[in-house]
């Protein structure tokens, strides 16, 4: 996987396994490394461990991070 891959993400959403949106932050990201850092920051701000992430997808320029948390 190329970590410097170009992409276009406008928002990061943290979603629990039931589909409830825990957090959504607007971003303007064109680089995977920046996106990784912002995602970890969003998890930390919501007291969610990286180990609780169960799935990650990009849907319509939104990075959807599914977490096993309340």
Protein backbone atom coordinates (compact mmCIF):
# COMPACT_ATOMS: atom_id res chain seq x y z
CA UNK A 1 0.00 0.00 0.00
CA UNK A 2 1.33 3.39 -0.94
CA UNK A 3 1.04 5.62 2.12
CA UNK A 4 1.44 8.78 0.03
CA UNK A 5 -1.48 7.86 -2.20
CA UNK A 6 -3.57 10.82 -3.34
CA UNK A 7 -7.16 10.83 -2.14
CA UNK A 8 -9.95 13.29 -1.47
CA UNK A 9 -11.60 13.10 1.95
CA UNK A 10 -13.90 15.85 3.20
CA UNK A 11 -14.99 14.35 6.52
CA UNK A 12 -14.03 11.73 9.08
CA UNK A 13 -16.93 10.00 10.82
CA UNK A 14 -16.55 7.74 13.84
CA UNK A 15 -19.47 5.31 13.83
CA UNK A 16 -20.27 2.55 16.32
CA UNK A 17 -21.19 -0.96 15.19
CA UNK A 18 -24.90 -0.11 15.50
CA UNK A 19 -24.46 2.70 12.95
CA UNK A 20 -24.71 5.63 15.37
CA UNK A 21 -22.38 8.51 14.41
CA UNK A 22 -20.20 9.27 17.44
CA UNK A 23 -18.28 12.11 15.85
CA UNK A 24 -17.91 13.82 12.53
CA UNK A 25 -15.15 16.28 11.70
CA UNK A 26 -14.79 18.21 8.48
CA UNK A 27 -11.36 17.92 6.90
CA UNK A 28 -9.68 18.68 3.59
CA UNK A 29 -7.23 15.83 3.10
CA UNK A 30 -5.32 14.89 -0.03
CA UNK A 31 -2.69 12.62 1.55
CA UNK A 32 -2.93 9.32 3.45
CA UNK A 33 -0.33 10.28 6.06
CA UNK A 34 -2.30 13.39 7.06
CA UNK A 35 -5.53 11.38 7.12
CA UNK A 36 -3.98 8.75 9.39
CA UNK A 37 -2.89 11.40 11.87
CA UNK A 38 -6.28 13.15 11.88
CA UNK A 39 -8.06 9.82 12.37
CA UNK A 40 -5.91 8.91 15.37
CA UNK A 41 -6.49 12.39 16.79
CA UNK A 42 -10.27 11.99 16.38
CA UNK A 43 -10.14 8.62 18.14
CA UNK A 44 -8.10 10.08 21.01
CA UNK A 45 -10.46 13.04 21.40
CA UNK A 46 -13.36 10.59 21.78
CA UNK A 47 -11.49 8.29 24.22
CA UNK A 48 -11.52 5.42 21.72
CA UNK A 49 -8.55 3.05 21.44
CA UNK A 50 -7.18 2.24 17.99
CA UNK A 51 -7.70 -1.43 18.90
CA UNK A 52 -11.48 -0.75 18.97
CA UNK A 53 -11.54 0.05 15.23
CA UNK A 54 -13.31 -2.79 13.41
CA UNK A 55 -13.63 -1.39 9.88
CA UNK A 56 -12.57 1.58 7.76
CA UNK A 57 -14.11 2.63 4.45
CA UNK A 58 -14.27 5.71 2.25
CA UNK A 59 -17.82 6.45 1.07
CA UNK A 60 -18.60 9.58 -0.95
CA UNK A 61 -15.43 11.37 0.24
CA UNK A 62 -16.18 10.48 3.88
CA UNK A 63 -13.79 8.28 5.83
CA UNK A 64 -16.09 6.05 7.90
CA UNK A 65 -14.31 4.52 10.89
CA UNK A 66 -16.42 1.82 12.56
CA UNK A 67 -15.53 1.31 16.20
CA UNK A 68 -16.64 -1.20 18.84
CA UNK A 69 -17.42 1.45 21.47
CA UNK A 70 -20.45 3.14 23.02
